[in-house]
């Protein structure tokens, strides 16, 4: 007799039914999404699945560079920016060394007193930070930040759910990034092909010679090959926009 392996309605990850996390994972990965769309879905899922989460955002850091890629609202974005400006908070300190940072009561938080005071002024009493990934090539570090207007929101159960969300989000994010890179590669190849065709017709050369000409221009002008190809297409067809040429 075949054995079906699955989850029952009563099984839970932390305080959340496993089925809800599975639905979230399918939502993140089931349709073709851009990186920003994937991260927007992640922060909304965090707010939906984790009771007490009022604001959420995803920020990506590299050295001194900081960028907010998704947020549930302006408060979340503001709390990310305050950390950058003060040089305090989990994104500026602990999250580089550990996967999860919890602050259960920001009123008494001593690790980042200035940030804790700023968060408290905005009505936030507790927060959690979950590391999404560290890119060993680009040195990017992505973080999911969750904020609550109540204290003691991120107990053990919530931490389990947050870690699961971060893991699913990281996989979906990397998948979306690979998909974007693949589509960009296809678009670049199409643009370069159009430019080669123009040169082949204009100078009566073959495809290899046309590509060599593009490469020489790229090198002499110190511009990416795709940029050289787009310029050639636009100069040859003034009514053709860059977006049309890349389609």
Protein backbone atom coordinates (compact mmCIF):
# COMPACT_ATOMS: atom_id res chain seq x y z
CA UNK A 1 0.00 0.00 0.00
CA UNK A 2 1.36 3.40 -0.97
CA UNK A 3 2.27 5.72 1.88
CA UNK A 4 1.42 9.40 1.46
CA UNK A 5 3.81 11.71 3.26
CA UNK A 6 2.45 15.15 4.08
CA UNK A 7 1.29 17.43 6.83
CA UNK A 8 -1.90 17.34 8.81
CA UNK A 9 -4.04 20.33 9.65
CA UNK A 10 -2.69 20.33 13.19
CA UNK A 11 1.01 20.48 12.37
CA UNK A 12 2.64 23.82 13.02
CA UNK A 13 5.94 25.60 12.59
CA UNK A 14 6.17 27.73 15.70
CA UNK A 15 2.79 29.45 15.99
CA UNK A 16 1.88 29.04 12.29
CA UNK A 17 0.31 25.99 10.60
CA UNK A 18 2.75 24.27 8.25
CA UNK A 19 0.14 24.53 5.49
CA UNK A 20 0.22 28.34 5.75
CA UNK A 21 4.00 28.39 5.35
CA UNK A 22 3.71 26.02 2.41
CA UNK A 23 1.15 28.32 0.78
CA UNK A 24 3.49 31.26 1.34
CA UNK A 25 6.40 29.40 -0.25
CA UNK A 26 4.29 28.53 -3.29
CA UNK A 27 3.16 32.15 -3.57
CA UNK A 28 6.74 33.40 -3.54
CA UNK A 29 8.01 30.88 -6.09
CA UNK A 30 4.93 29.78 -8.01
CA UNK A 31 4.78 32.67 -10.47
CA UNK A 32 7.44 34.60 -12.32
CA UNK A 33 8.25 37.64 -10.20
CA UNK A 34 10.93 40.28 -10.26
CA UNK A 35 13.29 40.58 -7.29
CA UNK A 36 11.38 43.56 -5.89
CA UNK A 37 8.02 41.83 -6.37
CA UNK A 38 9.33 38.75 -4.55
CA UNK A 39 10.54 40.83 -1.62
CA UNK A 40 7.28 42.80 -1.50
CA UNK A 41 5.40 39.49 -1.22
CA UNK A 42 7.79 38.40 1.54
CA UNK A 43 7.18 41.42 3.79
CA UNK A 44 3.42 41.15 3.31
CA UNK A 45 3.59 37.44 4.16
CA UNK A 46 5.48 38.24 7.36
CA UNK A 47 2.83 40.72 8.42
CA UNK A 48 0.04 38.27 7.55
CA UNK A 49 1.52 35.14 9.13
CA UNK A 50 3.09 36.57 12.28
CA UNK A 51 0.68 38.05 14.84
CA UNK A 52 1.93 41.31 16.27
CA UNK A 53 4.06 42.30 13.27
CA UNK A 54 2.97 45.83 12.32
CA UNK A 55 5.76 46.91 9.99
CA UNK A 56 8.28 45.00 7.87
CA UNK A 57 10.99 45.75 5.36
CA UNK A 58 13.87 44.14 3.49
CA UNK A 59 17.16 45.97 3.18
CA UNK A 60 20.31 45.00 1.30
CA UNK A 61 23.71 46.25 2.42
CA UNK A 62 27.17 46.25 0.91
CA UNK A 63 29.92 48.15 2.72
CA UNK A 64 28.57 51.66 3.20
CA UNK A 65 25.79 51.17 0.62
CA UNK A 66 22.25 50.59 1.89
CA UNK A 67 19.08 50.04 -0.12
CA UNK A 68 15.51 49.29 0.96
CA UNK A 69 14.02 46.82 -1.54
CA UNK A 70 10.60 46.26 0.03
CA UNK A 71 8.50 47.68 2.86
CA UNK A 72 4.99 47.38 4.19
CA UNK A 73 4.74 51.12 4.90
CA UNK A 74 6.67 54.34 5.48
CA UNK A 75 7.28 53.54 9.16
CA UNK A 76 9.22 50.42 8.21
CA UNK A 77 11.32 52.34 5.69
CA UNK A 78 11.96 55.10 8.20
CA UNK A 79 13.15 52.62 10.83
CA UNK A 80 15.59 51.14 8.33
CA UNK A 81 16.94 54.57 7.42
CA UNK A 82 17.33 55.59 11.06
CA UNK A 83 19.67 52.64 11.60
CA UNK A 84 21.82 53.74 8.66
CA UNK A 85 21.93 57.34 9.85
CA UNK A 86 22.76 56.51 13.46
CA UNK A 87 25.07 53.61 12.70
CA UNK A 88 23.11 51.62 15.29
CA UNK A 89 20.72 48.71 15.24
CA UNK A 90 20.83 45.08 14.11
CA UNK A 91 21.57 45.91 10.46
CA UNK A 92 24.64 47.88 11.50
CA UNK A 93 25.93 45.46 14.11
CA UNK A 94 24.96 41.90 15.06
CA UNK A 95 23.29 40.68 11.85
CA UNK A 96 26.69 40.50 10.16
CA UNK A 97 27.72 37.81 12.64
CA UNK A 98 24.48 35.95 13.46
CA UNK A 99 21.34 34.86 11.61
CA UNK A 100 18.75 36.33 14.00
CA UNK A 101 18.68 39.38 16.27
CA UNK A 102 15.80 39.99 18.70
CA UNK A 103 14.95 43.06 20.77
CA UNK A 104 11.96 42.23 22.97
CA UNK A 105 11.73 45.56 24.77
CA UNK A 106 13.22 48.56 23.02
CA UNK A 107 12.54 50.80 26.01
CA UNK A 108 15.28 48.97 27.90
CA UNK A 109 17.51 48.14 24.93
CA UNK A 110 21.15 48.91 25.77
CA UNK A 111 22.87 47.63 22.63
CA UNK A 112 21.65 50.50 20.45
CA UNK A 113 20.29 53.23 22.77
CA UNK A 114 19.89 55.95 20.13
CA UNK A 115 18.11 53.69 17.65
CA UNK A 116 15.95 52.17 20.40
CA UNK A 117 14.84 55.66 21.45
CA UNK A 118 14.06 56.60 17.84
CA UNK A 119 12.03 53.40 17.36
CA UNK A 120 10.14 53.99 20.60
CA UNK A 121 9.28 57.52 19.44
CA UNK A 122 7.67 55.94 16.37
CA UNK A 123 5.55 53.63 18.50
CA UNK A 124 7.67 50.49 18.09
CA UNK A 125 8.31 48.43 21.24
CA UNK A 126 10.01 45.29 19.88
CA UNK A 127 11.71 44.09 16.71
CA UNK A 128 13.42 41.17 15.02
CA UNK A 129 16.00 40.93 12.24
CA UNK A 130 16.49 37.77 10.16
CA UNK A 131 19.41 37.44 7.79
CA UNK A 132 18.24 36.38 4.34
CA UNK A 133 21.58 35.75 2.68
CA UNK A 134 25.19 36.83 2.27
CA UNK A 135 26.42 36.87 -1.33
CA UNK A 136 30.04 35.73 -1.25
CA UNK A 137 30.68 37.25 -4.69
CA UNK A 138 29.06 40.69 -4.42
CA UNK A 139 29.34 40.83 -0.59
CA UNK A 140 25.67 41.84 -0.41
CA UNK A 141 23.83 41.06 2.82
CA UNK A 142 20.02 40.93 2.82
CA UNK A 143 17.95 41.33 5.98
CA UNK A 144 14.25 40.92 6.81
CA UNK A 145 13.31 43.40 9.55
CA UNK A 146 10.09 43.07 11.55
CA UNK A 147 8.69 45.67 13.96
CA UNK A 148 5.89 45.50 16.51
CA UNK A 149 4.00 48.16 18.47
CA UNK A 150 3.81 45.67 21.36
CA UNK A 151 6.63 44.45 23.58
CA UNK A 152 7.68 40.80 23.86
CA UNK A 153 6.30 39.97 20.41
CA UNK A 154 9.15 37.82 19.15
CA UNK A 155 9.25 34.84 21.47
CA UNK A 156 10.56 31.37 20.54
CA UNK A 157 7.56 30.46 18.35
CA UNK A 158 7.73 33.71 16.41
CA UNK A 159 11.47 33.28 15.95
CA UNK A 160 10.90 29.87 14.38
CA UNK A 161 8.34 31.31 11.98
CA UNK A 162 10.57 34.26 11.14
CA UNK A 163 13.52 31.99 10.41
CA UNK A 164 11.32 29.83 8.16
CA UNK A 165 10.06 32.92 6.33
CA UNK A 166 13.61 34.14 5.84
CA UNK A 167 14.72 30.77 4.48
CA UNK A 168 11.84 30.56 2.00
CA UNK A 169 12.33 34.20 1.08
CA UNK A 170 16.04 33.71 0.42
CA UNK A 171 15.39 30.79 -1.94
CA UNK A 172 12.65 32.70 -3.79
CA UNK A 173 14.83 35.81 -3.99
CA UNK A 174 17.80 33.99 -5.47
CA UNK A 175 15.50 32.22 -7.94
CA UNK A 176 13.98 35.56 -9.01
CA UNK A 177 17.44 37.09 -9.36
CA UNK A 178 18.62 34.20 -11.55
CA UNK A 179 15.49 34.57 -13.68
CA UNK A 180 16.09 38.32 -14.11
CA UNK A 181 19.71 37.73 -15.06
CA UNK A 182 18.64 35.10 -17.60
CA UNK A 183 16.08 37.44 -19.18
CA UNK A 184 18.59 40.29 -19.23
CA UNK A 185 21.04 37.99 -20.97
CA UNK A 186 18.47 37.07 -23.61
CA UNK A 187 17.60 40.74 -24.16
CA UNK A 188 21.27 41.67 -24.53
CA UNK A 189 21.82 38.87 -27.02
CA UNK A 190 18.85 40.06 -29.09
CA UNK A 191 20.09 43.67 -29.10
CA UNK A 192 23.59 42.63 -30.12
CA UNK A 193 22.10 40.46 -32.87
CA UNK A 194 20.17 43.45 -34.26
CA UNK A 195 23.30 45.60 -34.22
CA UNK A 196 25.29 42.88 -35.99
CA UNK A 197 22.62 42.74 -38.68
CA UNK A 198 22.90 46.49 -39.26
CA UNK A 199 26.69 46.27 -39.64
CA UNK A 200 26.47 43.23 -41.92
CA UNK A 201 24.11 45.06 -44.24
CA UNK A 202 25.94 48.38 -44.09
CA UNK A 203 29.49 47.08 -44.61
CA UNK A 204 28.81 43.78 -46.40
CA UNK A 205 30.55 41.72 -43.71
CA UNK A 206 29.70 38.39 -42.11
CA UNK A 207 28.42 37.86 -38.56
CA UNK A 208 31.87 37.22 -37.06
CA UNK A 209 33.29 40.39 -38.61
CA UNK A 210 30.28 42.41 -37.45
CA UNK A 211 30.72 41.19 -33.88
CA UNK A 212 34.44 42.02 -34.02
CA UNK A 213 33.56 45.56 -35.10
CA UNK A 214 31.18 45.94 -32.15
CA UNK A 215 33.79 44.57 -29.75
CA UNK A 216 36.42 47.00 -31.06
CA UNK A 217 34.08 49.97 -30.57
CA UNK A 218 33.21 48.73 -27.09
CA UNK A 219 36.88 48.52 -26.17
CA UNK A 220 37.93 51.83 -27.71
CA UNK A 221 35.03 53.76 -26.12
CA UNK A 222 35.20 51.80 -22.85
CA UNK A 223 31.47 51.04 -23.00
CA UNK A 224 29.57 47.78 -22.46
CA UNK A 225 28.89 45.86 -25.66
CA UNK A 226 25.12 46.10 -25.14
CA UNK A 227 25.31 49.90 -24.80
CA UNK A 228 27.29 50.15 -28.05
CA UNK A 229 24.73 47.94 -29.80
CA UNK A 230 21.79 50.02 -28.51
CA UNK A 231 23.43 53.25 -29.69
CA UNK A 232 23.95 51.78 -33.15
CA UNK A 233 20.32 50.63 -33.35
CA UNK A 234 19.00 54.02 -32.25
CA UNK A 235 21.27 55.89 -34.68
CA UNK A 236 20.13 53.65 -37.52
CA UNK A 237 16.45 53.85 -36.53
CA UNK A 238 15.84 57.25 -34.84
CA UNK A 239 12.18 56.44 -34.15
CA UNK A 240 13.07 53.22 -32.31
CA UNK A 241 13.27 53.64 -28.53
CA UNK A 242 15.74 51.81 -26.30
CA UNK A 243 12.92 49.75 -24.78
CA UNK A 244 11.65 48.83 -28.25
CA UNK A 245 15.11 47.80 -29.30
CA UNK A 246 15.55 45.63 -26.22
CA UNK A 247 12.19 43.89 -26.57
